[in-house]
Amino acid sequence: MKVRSHELRTKSKEDLLKQLEGLKTELSTLRVAQVTGGPASKLAKIKTVRKSIAKTLTVLNCNQRTALRKLYKGKKFRPVDIRVKKTRAMRRALKHHETSRKTARQTKRDAAYPQRRFALAL
């Protein structure tokens, strides 16, 4: 039987795990049929069962990640796999408040030599 992702998202974790176990047992019986030389209809079903297992695992992982994101929301540190990926350069770049900061020497220099104002007659 083919599994639809949108139907899986509505199910609870226990239902998903139960369905996953059922799909795995079905796959093992299909593999036995493949070795013993079963009908072609059973052999063709292996692909759909494998895809269904993958979809179920994907939905399980997505639900787990969303729960973890909710748990770590607003905290100072969060696990690496939950952080925003972006690019390596963007992750290492200075944050906005860090770019606008000045050293003590620079602030003294700015105070001593303010920007000159010119009165231009047009």
PDB file of N, CA and C in Angstrom:
ATOM      1  N   MET A   1       0.844  -1.187   0.000  1.00  0.00           N
ATOM      2  CA  MET A   1       0.000   0.000   0.000  1.00  0.00           C
ATOM      3  C   MET A   1       0.885   1.245   0.000  1.00  0.00           C
ATOM      4  N   LYS A   2       0.469   2.241  -0.761  1.00  0.00           N
ATOM      5  CA  LYS A   2       1.247   3.463  -0.874  1.00  0.00           C
ATOM      6  C   LYS A   2       0.858   4.421   0.245  1.00  0.00           C
ATOM      7  N   VAL A   3       1.867   5.042   0.840  1.00  0.00           N
ATOM      8  CA  VAL A   3       1.644   5.943   1.972  1.00  0.00           C
ATOM      9  C   VAL A   3       1.754   7.384   1.498  1.00  0.00           C
ATOM     10  N   ARG A   4       0.824   8.219   1.970  1.00  0.00           N
ATOM     11  CA  ARG A   4       0.838   9.643   1.624  1.00  0.00           C
ATOM     12  C   ARG A   4       1.419  10.448   2.778  1.00  0.00           C
ATOM     13  N   SER A   5       2.310  11.369   2.456  1.00  0.00           N
ATOM     14  CA  SER A   5       2.998  12.143   3.498  1.00  0.00           C
ATOM     15  C   SER A   5       2.036  13.010   4.302  1.00  0.00           C
ATOM     16  N   HIS A   6       1.073  13.626   3.643  1.00  0.00           N
ATOM     17  CA  HIS A   6       0.153  14.514   4.368  1.00  0.00           C
ATOM     18  C   HIS A   6      -0.715  13.736   5.345  1.00  0.00           C
ATOM     19  N   GLU A   7      -0.971  12.459   5.054  1.00  0.00           N
ATOM     20  CA  GLU A   7      -1.726  11.629   5.999  1.00  0.00           C
ATOM     21  C   GLU A   7      -0.849  11.253   7.189  1.00  0.00           C
ATOM     22  N   LEU A   8       0.439  11.028   6.914  1.00  0.00           N
ATOM     23  CA  LEU A   8       1.361  10.649   7.988  1.00  0.00           C
ATOM     24  C   LEU A   8       1.556  11.790   8.987  1.00  0.00           C
ATOM     25  N   ARG A   9       1.533  13.030   8.502  1.00  0.00           N
ATOM     26  CA  ARG A   9       1.794  14.172   9.372  1.00  0.00           C
ATOM     27  C   ARG A   9       0.711  14.348  10.443  1.00  0.00           C
ATOM     28  N   THR A  10      -0.486  13.839  10.171  1.00  0.00           N
ATOM     29  CA  THR A  10      -1.577  13.971  11.144  1.00  0.00           C
ATOM     30  C   THR A  10      -1.514  12.904  12.230  1.00  0.00           C
ATOM     31  N   LYS A  11      -0.760  11.822  12.009  1.00  0.00           N
ATOM     32  CA  LYS A  11      -0.718  10.708  12.956  1.00  0.00           C
ATOM     33  C   LYS A  11       0.218  11.014  14.128  1.00  0.00           C
ATOM     34  N   SER A  12      -0.001  10.295  15.228  1.00  0.00           N
ATOM     35  CA  SER A  12       0.855  10.451  16.408  1.00  0.00           C
ATOM     36  C   SER A  12       2.123   9.618  16.242  1.00  0.00           C
ATOM     37  N   LYS A  13       3.054   9.817  17.152  1.00  0.00           N
ATOM     38  CA  LYS A  13       4.337   9.111  17.077  1.00  0.00           C
ATOM     39  C   LYS A  13       4.142   7.601  17.224  1.00  0.00           C
ATOM     40  N   GLU A  14       3.263   7.197  18.138  1.00  0.00           N
ATOM     41  CA  GLU A  14       3.024   5.772  18.362  1.00  0.00           C
ATOM     42  C   GLU A  14       2.448   5.107  17.114  1.00  0.00           C
ATOM     43  N   ASP A  15       1.489   5.788  16.463  1.00  0.00           N
ATOM     44  CA  ASP A  15       0.905   5.252  15.236  1.00  0.00           C
ATOM     45  C   ASP A  15       1.955   5.126  14.139  1.00  0.00           C
ATOM     46  N   LEU A  16       2.817   6.129  14.040  1.00  0.00           N
ATOM     47  CA  LEU A  16       3.865   6.091  13.024  1.00  0.00           C
ATOM     48  C   LEU A  16       4.832   4.939  13.270  1.00  0.00           C
ATOM     49  N   LEU A  17       5.217   4.736  14.528  1.00  0.00           N
ATOM     50  CA  LEU A  17       6.132   3.638  14.851  1.00  0.00           C
ATOM     51  C   LEU A  17       5.482   2.283  14.577  1.00  0.00           C
ATOM     52  N   LYS A  18       4.191   2.175  14.883  1.00  0.00           N
ATOM     53  CA  LYS A  18       3.467   0.924  14.622  1.00  0.00           C
ATOM     54  C   LYS A  18       3.402   0.653  13.112  1.00  0.00           C
ATOM     55  N   GLN A  19       3.124   1.704  12.352  1.00  0.00           N
ATOM     56  CA  GLN A  19       3.058   1.562  10.895  1.00  0.00           C
ATOM     57  C   GLN A  19       4.435   1.214  10.328  1.00  0.00           C
ATOM     58  N   LEU A  20       5.478   1.791  10.885  1.00  0.00           N
ATOM     59  CA  LEU A  20       6.839   1.512  10.442  1.00  0.00           C
ATOM     60  C   LEU A  20       7.198   0.042  10.661  1.00  0.00           C
ATOM     61  N   GLU A  21       6.833  -0.473  11.828  1.00  0.00           N
ATOM     62  CA  GLU A  21       7.097  -1.895  12.104  1.00  0.00           C
ATOM     63  C   GLU A  21       6.341  -2.784  11.113  1.00  0.00           C
ATOM     64  N   GLY A  22       5.089  -2.422  10.833  1.00  0.00           N
ATOM     65  CA  GLY A  22       4.301  -3.192   9.862  1.00  0.00           C
ATOM     66  C   GLY A  22       4.932  -3.182   8.477  1.00  0.00           C
ATOM     67  N   LEU A  23       5.392  -2.021   8.073  1.00  0.00           N
ATOM     68  CA  LEU A  23       6.030  -1.906   6.758  1.00  0.00           C
ATOM     69  C   LEU A  23       7.330  -2.706   6.685  1.00  0.00           C
ATOM     70  N   LYS A  24       8.087  -2.708   7.784  1.00  0.00           N
ATOM     71  CA  LYS A  24       9.341  -3.462   7.795  1.00  0.00           C
ATOM     72  C   LYS A  24       9.101  -4.963   7.734  1.00  0.00           C
ATOM     73  N   THR A  25       8.086  -5.429   8.443  1.00  0.00           N
ATOM     74  CA  THR A  25       7.769  -6.863   8.365  1.00  0.00           C
ATOM     75  C   THR A  25       7.279  -7.233   6.970  1.00  0.00           C
ATOM     76  N   GLU A  26       6.491  -6.346   6.374  1.00  0.00           N
ATOM     77  CA  GLU A  26       6.020  -6.580   5.007  1.00  0.00           C
ATOM     78  C   GLU A  26       7.191  -6.643   4.031  1.00  0.00           C
ATOM     79  N   LEU A  27       8.164  -5.758   4.219  1.00  0.00           N
ATOM     80  CA  LEU A  27       9.344  -5.756   3.357  1.00  0.00           C
ATOM     81  C   LEU A  27      10.140  -7.047   3.505  1.00  0.00           C
ATOM     82  N   SER A  28      10.251  -7.531   4.740  1.00  0.00           N
ATOM     83  CA  SER A  28      11.005  -8.781   4.939  1.00  0.00           C
ATOM     84  C   SER A  28      10.299  -9.962   4.285  1.00  0.00           C
ATOM     85  N   THR A  29       8.969  -9.998   4.345  1.00  0.00           N
ATOM     86  CA  THR A  29       8.243 -11.083   3.667  1.00  0.00           C
ATOM     87  C   THR A  29       8.379 -10.980   2.150  1.00  0.00           C
ATOM     88  N   LEU A  30       8.399  -9.756   1.642  1.00  0.00           N
ATOM     89  CA  LEU A  30       8.585  -9.562   0.203  1.00  0.00           C
ATOM     90  C   LEU A  30       9.979  -9.986  -0.236  1.00  0.00           C
ATOM     91  N   ARG A  31      10.967  -9.738   0.620  1.00  0.00           N
ATOM     92  CA  ARG A  31      12.337 -10.156   0.296  1.00  0.00           C
ATOM     93  C   ARG A  31      12.444 -11.683   0.255  1.00  0.00           C
ATOM     94  N   VAL A  32      11.742 -12.346   1.172  1.00  0.00           N
ATOM     95  CA  VAL A  32      11.709 -13.821   1.159  1.00  0.00           C
ATOM     96  C   VAL A  32      11.063 -14.312  -0.130  1.00  0.00           C
ATOM     97  N   ALA A  33       9.972 -13.654  -0.528  1.00  0.00           N
ATOM     98  CA  ALA A  33       9.296 -14.023  -1.779  1.00  0.00           C
ATOM     99  C   ALA A  33      10.218 -13.802  -2.973  1.00  0.00           C
ATOM    100  N   GLN A  34      11.048 -12.783  -2.885  1.00  0.00           N
ATOM    101  CA  GLN A  34      11.982 -12.490  -3.978  1.00  0.00           C
ATOM    102  C   GLN A  34      13.010 -13.611  -4.104  1.00  0.00           C
ATOM    103  N   VAL A  35      13.513 -14.094  -2.980  1.00  0.00           N
ATOM    104  CA  VAL A  35      14.522 -15.153  -2.991  1.00  0.00           C
ATOM    105  C   VAL A  35      13.915 -16.464  -3.461  1.00  0.00           C
ATOM    106  N   THR A  36      12.689 -16.741  -3.016  1.00  0.00           N
ATOM    107  CA  THR A  36      12.054 -18.014  -3.377  1.00  0.00           C
ATOM    108  C   THR A  36      11.450 -17.989  -4.779  1.00  0.00           C
ATOM    109  N   GLY A  37      11.501 -16.846  -5.413  1.00  0.00           N
ATOM    110  CA  GLY A  37      10.978 -16.749  -6.780  1.00  0.00           C
ATOM    111  C   GLY A  37       9.477 -16.547  -6.805  1.00  0.00           C
ATOM    112  N   GLY A  38       9.014 -15.560  -6.092  1.00  0.00           N
ATOM    113  CA  GLY A  38       7.589 -15.249  -6.016  1.00  0.00           C
ATOM    114  C   GLY A  38       7.094 -14.566  -7.280  1.00  0.00           C
ATOM    115  N   PRO A  39       5.795 -14.259  -7.324  1.00  0.00           N
ATOM    116  CA  PRO A  39       5.224 -13.607  -8.509  1.00  0.00           C
ATOM    117  C   PRO A  39       5.774 -12.189  -8.703  1.00  0.00           C
ATOM    118  N   ALA A  40       5.648 -11.702  -9.914  1.00  0.00           N
ATOM    119  CA  ALA A  40       6.194 -10.388 -10.271  1.00  0.00           C
ATOM    120  C   ALA A  40       5.490  -9.254  -9.529  1.00  0.00           C
ATOM    121  N   SER A  41       4.224  -9.458  -9.190  1.00  0.00           N
ATOM    122  CA  SER A  41       3.489  -8.402  -8.485  1.00  0.00           C
ATOM    123  C   SER A  41       4.095  -8.138  -7.105  1.00  0.00           C
ATOM    124  N   LYS A  42       4.564  -9.203  -6.455  1.00  0.00           N
ATOM    125  CA  LYS A  42       5.201  -9.028  -5.142  1.00  0.00           C
ATOM    126  C   LYS A  42       6.552  -8.350  -5.285  1.00  0.00           C
ATOM    127  N   LEU A  43       7.279  -8.674  -6.326  1.00  0.00           N
ATOM    128  CA  LEU A  43       8.597  -8.079  -6.539  1.00  0.00           C
ATOM    129  C   LEU A  43       8.479  -6.591  -6.834  1.00  0.00           C
ATOM    130  N   ALA A  44       7.434  -6.215  -7.555  1.00  0.00           N
ATOM    131  CA  ALA A  44       7.228  -4.803  -7.884  1.00  0.00           C
ATOM    132  C   ALA A  44       6.809  -4.003  -6.647  1.00  0.00           C
ATOM    133  N   LYS A  45       6.235  -4.704  -5.671  1.00  0.00           N
ATOM    134  CA  LYS A  45       5.745  -4.030  -4.472  1.00  0.00           C
ATOM    135  C   LYS A  45       6.890  -3.619  -3.538  1.00  0.00           C
ATOM    136  N   ILE A  46       8.063  -4.233  -3.689  1.00  0.00           N
ATOM    137  CA  ILE A  46       9.211  -3.932  -2.820  1.00  0.00           C
ATOM    138  C   ILE A  46       9.553  -2.449  -2.877  1.00  0.00           C
ATOM    139  N   LYS A  47       9.537  -1.885  -4.073  1.00  0.00           N
ATOM    140  CA  LYS A  47       9.906  -0.472  -4.236  1.00  0.00           C
ATOM    141  C   LYS A  47       8.951   0.438  -3.469  1.00  0.00           C
ATOM    142  N   THR A  48       7.643   0.201  -3.589  1.00  0.00           N
ATOM    143  CA  THR A  48       6.670   1.066  -2.908  1.00  0.00           C
ATOM    144  C   THR A  48       6.781   0.938  -1.386  1.00  0.00           C
ATOM    145  N   VAL A  49       7.058  -0.274  -0.906  1.00  0.00           N
ATOM    146  CA  VAL A  49       7.191  -0.466   0.545  1.00  0.00           C
ATOM    147  C   VAL A  49       8.435   0.256   1.051  1.00  0.00           C
ATOM    148  N   ARG A  50       9.529   0.177   0.301  1.00  0.00           N
ATOM    149  CA  ARG A  50      10.755   0.885   0.698  1.00  0.00           C
ATOM    150  C   ARG A  50      10.521   2.388   0.745  1.00  0.00           C
ATOM    151  N   LYS A  51       9.834   2.916  -0.268  1.00  0.00           N
ATOM    152  CA  LYS A  51       9.535   4.352  -0.300  1.00  0.00           C
ATOM    153  C   LYS A  51       8.615   4.743   0.860  1.00  0.00           C
ATOM    154  N   SER A  52       7.679   3.873   1.191  1.00  0.00           N
ATOM    155  CA  SER A  52       6.770   4.147   2.304  1.00  0.00           C
ATOM    156  C   SER A  52       7.521   4.189   3.627  1.00  0.00           C
ATOM    157  N   ILE A  53       8.488   3.279   3.793  1.00  0.00           N
ATOM    158  CA  ILE A  53       9.323   3.283   5.001  1.00  0.00           C
ATOM    159  C   ILE A  53      10.094   4.594   5.088  1.00  0.00           C
ATOM    160  N   ALA A  54      10.642   5.019   3.949  1.00  0.00           N
ATOM    161  CA  ALA A  54      11.410   6.268   3.923  1.00  0.00           C
ATOM    162  C   ALA A  54      10.528   7.467   4.290  1.00  0.00           C
ATOM    163  N   LYS A  55       9.316   7.511   3.747  1.00  0.00           N
ATOM    164  CA  LYS A  55       8.407   8.616   4.056  1.00  0.00           C
ATOM    165  C   LYS A  55       8.052   8.642   5.537  1.00  0.00           C
ATOM    166  N   THR A  56       7.799   7.458   6.103  1.00  0.00           N
ATOM    167  CA  THR A  56       7.435   7.374   7.515  1.00  0.00           C
ATOM    168  C   THR A  56       8.588   7.861   8.392  1.00  0.00           C
ATOM    169  N   LEU A  57       9.804   7.424   8.073  1.00  0.00           N
ATOM    170  CA  LEU A  57      10.974   7.855   8.835  1.00  0.00           C
ATOM    171  C   LEU A  57      11.209   9.354   8.701  1.00  0.00           C
ATOM    172  N   THR A  58      10.975   9.879   7.503  1.00  0.00           N
ATOM    173  CA  THR A  58      11.139  11.315   7.267  1.00  0.00           C
ATOM    174  C   THR A  58      10.174  12.123   8.123  1.00  0.00           C
ATOM    175  N   VAL A  59       8.923  11.689   8.164  1.00  0.00           N
ATOM    176  CA  VAL A  59       7.919  12.396   8.967  1.00  0.00           C
ATOM    177  C   VAL A  59       8.275  12.303  10.454  1.00  0.00           C
ATOM    178  N   LEU A  60       8.734  11.130  10.898  1.00  0.00           N
ATOM    179  CA  LEU A  60       9.156  10.974  12.297  1.00  0.00           C
ATOM    180  C   LEU A  60      10.281  11.944  12.640  1.00  0.00           C
ATOM    181  N   ASN A  61      11.279  12.004  11.767  1.00  0.00           N
ATOM    182  CA  ASN A  61      12.415  12.899  12.009  1.00  0.00           C
ATOM    183  C   ASN A  61      11.998  14.357  11.992  1.00  0.00           C
ATOM    184  N   CYS A  62      11.126  14.722  11.066  1.00  0.00           N
ATOM    185  CA  CYS A  62      10.638  16.116  10.990  1.00  0.00           C
ATOM    186  C   CYS A  62       9.901  16.508  12.264  1.00  0.00           C
ATOM    187  N   ASN A  63       9.057  15.606  12.753  1.00  0.00           N
ATOM    188  CA  ASN A  63       8.310  15.884  13.987  1.00  0.00           C
ATOM    189  C   ASN A  63       9.257  16.048  15.165  1.00  0.00           C
ATOM    190  N   GLN A  64      10.269  15.192  15.214  1.00  0.00           N
ATOM    191  CA  GLN A  64      11.244  15.270  16.299  1.00  0.00           C
ATOM    192  C   GLN A  64      12.017  16.584  16.240  1.00  0.00           C
ATOM    193  N   ARG A  65      12.413  16.998  15.050  1.00  0.00           N
ATOM    194  CA  ARG A  65      13.155  18.251  14.893  1.00  0.00           C
ATOM    195  C   ARG A  65      12.310  19.460  15.277  1.00  0.00           C
ATOM    196  N   THR A  66      11.047  19.469  14.872  1.00  0.00           N
ATOM    197  CA  THR A  66      10.181  20.597  15.225  1.00  0.00           C
ATOM    198  C   THR A  66       9.971  20.676  16.734  1.00  0.00           C
ATOM    199  N   ALA A  67       9.862  19.507  17.386  1.00  0.00           N
ATOM    200  CA  ALA A  67       9.715  19.492  18.839  1.00  0.00           C
ATOM    201  C   ALA A  67      10.976  20.035  19.506  1.00  0.00           C
ATOM    202  N   LEU A  68      12.138  19.675  18.981  1.00  0.00           N
ATOM    203  CA  LEU A  68      13.402  20.173  19.538  1.00  0.00           C
ATOM    204  C   LEU A  68      13.555  21.668  19.298  1.00  0.00           C
ATOM    205  N   ARG A  69      13.151  22.133  18.108  1.00  0.00           N
ATOM    206  CA  ARG A  69      13.221  23.571  17.821  1.00  0.00           C
ATOM    207  C   ARG A  69      12.352  24.348  18.806  1.00  0.00           C
ATOM    208  N   LYS A  70      11.172  23.801  19.099  1.00  0.00           N
ATOM    209  CA  LYS A  70      10.277  24.444  20.043  1.00  0.00           C
ATOM    210  C   LYS A  70      10.888  24.474  21.444  1.00  0.00           C
ATOM    211  N   LEU A  71      11.578  23.381  21.796  1.00  0.00           N
ATOM    212  CA  LEU A  71      12.194  23.269  23.119  1.00  0.00           C
ATOM    213  C   LEU A  71      13.329  24.268  23.296  1.00  0.00           C
ATOM    214  N   TYR A  72      14.157  24.453  22.259  1.00  0.00           N
ATOM    215  CA  TYR A  72      15.323  25.328  22.350  1.00  0.00           C
ATOM    216  C   TYR A  72      15.029  26.765  21.929  1.00  0.00           C
ATOM    217  N   LYS A  73      13.766  27.097  21.643  1.00  0.00           N
ATOM    218  CA  LYS A  73      13.405  28.446  21.225  1.00  0.00           C
ATOM    219  C   LYS A  73      13.693  29.438  22.343  1.00  0.00           C
ATOM    220  N   GLY A  74      14.467  30.479  22.025  1.00  0.00           N
ATOM    221  CA  GLY A  74      14.776  31.511  23.001  1.00  0.00           C
ATOM    222  C   GLY A  74      15.954  31.193  23.907  1.00  0.00           C
ATOM    223  N   LYS A  75      16.518  30.000  23.806  1.00  0.00           N
ATOM    224  CA  LYS A  75      17.675  29.639  24.629  1.00  0.00           C
ATOM    225  C   LYS A  75      18.945  30.215  24.006  1.00  0.00           C
ATOM    226  N   LYS A  76      20.001  30.321  24.805  1.00  0.00           N
ATOM    227  CA  LYS A  76      21.248  30.909  24.311  1.00  0.00           C
ATOM    228  C   LYS A  76      21.948  29.975  23.327  1.00  0.00           C
ATOM    229  N   PHE A  77      22.029  28.691  23.663  1.00  0.00           N
ATOM    230  CA  PHE A  77      22.700  27.722  22.803  1.00  0.00           C
ATOM    231  C   PHE A  77      21.697  26.690  22.324  1.00  0.00           C
ATOM    232  N   ARG A  78      21.933  26.195  21.107  1.00  0.00           N
ATOM    233  CA  ARG A  78      21.100  25.113  20.589  1.00  0.00           C
ATOM    234  C   ARG A  78      21.992  24.120  19.861  1.00  0.00           C
ATOM    235  N   PRO A  79      21.557  22.872  19.737  1.00  0.00           N
ATOM    236  CA  PRO A  79      22.383  21.856  19.076  1.00  0.00           C
ATOM    237  C   PRO A  79      22.715  22.230  17.639  1.00  0.00           C
ATOM    238  N   VAL A  80      23.835  21.700  17.170  1.00  0.00           N
ATOM    239  CA  VAL A  80      24.348  22.070  15.848  1.00  0.00           C
ATOM    240  C   VAL A  80      23.365  21.711  14.742  1.00  0.00           C
ATOM    241  N   ASP A  81      22.719  20.558  14.830  1.00  0.00           N
ATOM    242  CA  ASP A  81      21.828  20.138  13.753  1.00  0.00           C
ATOM    243  C   ASP A  81      20.520  20.919  13.722  1.00  0.00           C
ATOM    244  N   ILE A  82      20.246  21.691  14.769  1.00  0.00           N
ATOM    245  CA  ILE A  82      19.024  22.502  14.784  1.00  0.00           C
ATOM    246  C   ILE A  82      19.307  23.939  14.367  1.00  0.00           C
ATOM    247  N   ARG A  83      20.560  24.356  14.442  1.00  0.00           N
ATOM    248  CA  ARG A  83      20.913  25.726  14.062  1.00  0.00           C
ATOM    249  C   ARG A  83      20.638  25.983  12.586  1.00  0.00           C
ATOM    250  N   VAL A  84      20.540  27.267  12.245  1.00  0.00           N
ATOM    251  CA  VAL A  84      20.299  27.651  10.854  1.00  0.00           C
ATOM    252  C   VAL A  84      21.555  27.358  10.041  1.00  0.00           C
ATOM    253  N   LYS A  85      21.389  26.724   8.886  1.00  0.00           N
ATOM    254  CA  LYS A  85      22.543  26.280   8.102  1.00  0.00           C
ATOM    255  C   LYS A  85      23.242  27.444   7.413  1.00  0.00           C
ATOM    256  N   LYS A  86      22.536  28.196   6.588  1.00  0.00           N
ATOM    257  CA  LYS A  86      23.098  29.290   5.786  1.00  0.00           C
ATOM    258  C   LYS A  86      24.355  28.825   5.060  1.00  0.00           C
ATOM    259  N   THR A  87      25.428  29.652   5.052  1.00  0.00           N
ATOM    260  CA  THR A  87      26.693  29.226   4.455  1.00  0.00           C
ATOM    261  C   THR A  87      27.783  29.398   5.502  1.00  0.00           C
ATOM    262  N   ARG A  88      28.910  28.772   5.274  1.00  0.00           N
ATOM    263  CA  ARG A  88      29.998  28.820   6.247  1.00  0.00           C
ATOM    264  C   ARG A  88      30.472  30.259   6.451  1.00  0.00           C
ATOM    265  N   ALA A  89      30.592  31.010   5.342  1.00  0.00           N
ATOM    266  CA  ALA A  89      31.036  32.403   5.417  1.00  0.00           C
ATOM    267  C   ALA A  89      30.045  33.255   6.206  1.00  0.00           C
ATOM    268  N   MET A  90      28.754  33.020   5.986  1.00  0.00           N
ATOM    269  CA  MET A  90      27.739  33.799   6.702  1.00  0.00           C
ATOM    270  C   MET A  90      27.744  33.482   8.192  1.00  0.00           C
ATOM    271  N   ARG A  91      27.981  32.207   8.532  1.00  0.00           N
ATOM    272  CA  ARG A  91      28.017  31.833   9.944  1.00  0.00           C
ATOM    273  C   ARG A  91      29.208  32.448  10.650  1.00  0.00           C
ATOM    274  N   ARG A  92      30.331  32.615   9.933  1.00  0.00           N
ATOM    275  CA  ARG A  92      31.534  33.143  10.554  1.00  0.00           C
ATOM    276  C   ARG A  92      31.617  34.671  10.518  1.00  0.00           C
ATOM    277  N   ALA A  93      30.771  35.297   9.735  1.00  0.00           N
ATOM    278  CA  ALA A  93      30.800  36.757   9.621  1.00  0.00           C
ATOM    279  C   ALA A  93      30.383  37.397  10.945  1.00  0.00           C
ATOM    280  N   LEU A  94      30.854  38.639  11.151  1.00  0.00           N
ATOM    281  CA  LEU A  94      30.483  39.370  12.359  1.00  0.00           C
ATOM    282  C   LEU A  94      28.989  39.672  12.341  1.00  0.00           C
ATOM    283  N   LYS A  95      28.391  39.654  13.511  1.00  0.00           N
ATOM    284  CA  LYS A  95      26.980  40.005  13.635  1.00  0.00           C
ATOM    285  C   LYS A  95      26.849  41.526  13.541  1.00  0.00           C
ATOM    286  N   HIS A  96      25.616  42.011  13.414  1.00  0.00           N
ATOM    287  CA  HIS A  96      25.377  43.435  13.180  1.00  0.00           C
ATOM    288  C   HIS A  96      25.929  44.299  14.307  1.00  0.00           C
ATOM    289  N   HIS A  97      25.683  43.905  15.550  1.00  0.00           N
ATOM    290  CA  HIS A  97      26.159  44.719  16.672  1.00  0.00           C
ATOM    291  C   HIS A  97      27.677  44.674  16.794  1.00  0.00           C
ATOM    292  N   GLU A  98      28.290  43.602  16.297  1.00  0.00           N
ATOM    293  CA  GLU A  98      29.754  43.499  16.355  1.00  0.00           C
ATOM    294  C   GLU A  98      30.416  44.393  15.300  1.00  0.00           C
ATOM    295  N   THR A  99      29.783  44.534  14.147  1.00  0.00           N
ATOM    296  CA  THR A  99      30.357  45.368  13.082  1.00  0.00           C
ATOM    297  C   THR A  99      30.306  46.846  13.446  1.00  0.00           C
ATOM    298  N   SER A 100      29.290  47.245  14.197  1.00  0.00           N
ATOM    299  CA  SER A 100      29.152  48.661  14.534  1.00  0.00           C
ATOM    300  C   SER A 100      29.978  49.071  15.757  1.00  0.00           C
ATOM    301  N   ARG A 101      30.558  48.125  16.479  1.00  0.00           N
ATOM    302  CA  ARG A 101      31.373  48.462  17.659  1.00  0.00           C
ATOM    303  C   ARG A 101      32.694  49.106  17.253  1.00  0.00           C
ATOM    304  N   LYS A 102      33.228  49.944  18.148  1.00  0.00           N
ATOM    305  CA  LYS A 102      34.507  50.605  17.898  1.00  0.00           C
ATOM    306  C   LYS A 102      35.463  50.297  19.045  1.00  0.00           C
ATOM    307  N   THR A 103      36.748  50.320  18.728  1.00  0.00           N
ATOM    308  CA  THR A 103      37.754  50.139  19.776  1.00  0.00           C
ATOM    309  C   THR A 103      37.861  51.420  20.595  1.00  0.00           C
ATOM    310  N   ALA A 104      38.501  51.314  21.758  1.00  0.00           N
ATOM    311  CA  ALA A 104      38.675  52.488  22.623  1.00  0.00           C
ATOM    312  C   ALA A 104      39.510  53.539  21.912  1.00  0.00           C
ATOM    313  N   ARG A 105      40.516  53.099  21.196  1.00  0.00           N
ATOM    314  CA  ARG A 105      41.383  54.033  20.479  1.00  0.00           C
ATOM    315  C   ARG A 105      40.605  54.781  19.398  1.00  0.00           C
ATOM    316  N   GLN A 106      39.738  54.060  18.699  1.00  0.00           N
ATOM    317  CA  GLN A 106      38.956  54.684  17.633  1.00  0.00           C
ATOM    318  C   GLN A 106      37.970  55.695  18.200  1.00  0.00           C
ATOM    319  N   THR A 107      37.359  55.396  19.339  1.00  0.00           N
ATOM    320  CA  THR A 107      36.411  56.356  19.930  1.00  0.00           C
ATOM    321  C   THR A 107      37.115  57.628  20.394  1.00  0.00           C
ATOM    322  N   LYS A 108      38.333  57.463  20.957  1.00  0.00           N
ATOM    323  CA  LYS A 108      39.118  58.647  21.352  1.00  0.00           C
ATOM    324  C   LYS A 108      39.472  59.489  20.140  1.00  0.00           C
ATOM    325  N   ARG A 109      39.877  58.836  19.084  1.00  0.00           N
ATOM    326  CA  ARG A 109      40.258  59.542  17.862  1.00  0.00           C
ATOM    327  C   ARG A 109      39.063  60.289  17.269  1.00  0.00           C
ATOM    328  N   ASP A 110      37.883  59.627  17.287  1.00  0.00           N
ATOM    329  CA  ASP A 110      36.675  60.282  16.761  1.00  0.00           C
ATOM    330  C   ASP A 110      36.290  61.500  17.595  1.00  0.00           C
ATOM    331  N   ALA A 111      36.490  61.408  18.923  1.00  0.00           N
ATOM    332  CA  ALA A 111      36.160  62.537  19.807  1.00  0.00           C
ATOM    333  C   ALA A 111      37.140  63.693  19.599  1.00  0.00           C
ATOM    334  N   ALA A 112      38.412  63.366  19.408  1.00  0.00           N
ATOM    335  CA  ALA A 112      39.435  64.400  19.242  1.00  0.00           C
ATOM    336  C   ALA A 112      39.335  65.085  17.890  1.00  0.00           C
ATOM    337  N   TYR A 113      39.029  64.334  16.872  1.00  0.00           N
ATOM    338  CA  TYR A 113      38.947  64.885  15.510  1.00  0.00           C
ATOM    339  C   TYR A 113      37.564  64.623  14.922  1.00  0.00           C
ATOM    340  N   PRO A 114      36.581  65.428  15.311  1.00  0.00           N
ATOM    341  CA  PRO A 114      35.235  65.208  14.752  1.00  0.00           C
ATOM    342  C   PRO A 114      35.209  65.535  13.264  1.00  0.00           C
ATOM    343  N   GLN A 115      34.197  65.032  12.609  1.00  0.00           N
ATOM    344  CA  GLN A 115      34.072  65.282  11.180  1.00  0.00           C
ATOM    345  C   GLN A 115      33.845  66.775  10.943  1.00  0.00           C
ATOM    346  N   ARG A 116      34.584  67.332  10.001  1.00  0.00           N
ATOM    347  CA  ARG A 116      34.525  68.777   9.747  1.00  0.00           C
ATOM    348  C   ARG A 116      33.269  69.121   8.955  1.00  0.00           C
ATOM    349  N   ARG A 117      32.687  70.281   9.328  1.00  0.00           N
ATOM    350  CA  ARG A 117      31.504  70.726   8.619  1.00  0.00           C
ATOM    351  C   ARG A 117      31.887  71.926   7.770  1.00  0.00           C
ATOM    352  N   PHE A 118      31.437  71.937   6.553  1.00  0.00           N
ATOM    353  CA  PHE A 118      31.772  73.044   5.625  1.00  0.00           C
ATOM    354  C   PHE A 118      30.472  73.755   5.248  1.00  0.00           C
ATOM    355  N   ALA A 119      30.543  75.076   5.210  1.00  0.00           N
ATOM    356  CA  ALA A 119      29.405  75.863   4.756  1.00  0.00           C
ATOM    357  C   ALA A 119      29.638  76.164   3.288  1.00  0.00           C
ATOM    358  N   LEU A 120      28.843  75.577   2.465  1.00  0.00           N
ATOM    359  CA  LEU A 120      29.002  75.781   1.025  1.00  0.00           C
ATOM    360  C   LEU A 120      28.006  76.794   0.544  1.00  0.00           C
ATOM    361  N   ALA A 121      28.498  77.836  -0.142  1.00  0.00           N
ATOM    362  CA  ALA A 121      27.628  78.842  -0.700  1.00  0.00           C
ATOM    363  C   ALA A 121      27.276  78.420  -2.113  1.00  0.00           C
ATOM    364  N   LEU A 122      26.013  78.277  -2.370  1.00  0.00           N
ATOM    365  CA  LEU A 122      25.605  77.861  -3.718  1.00  0.00           C
ATOM    366  C   LEU A 122      25.053  78.983  -4.540  1.00  0.00           C
TER     367      LEU A 122
END
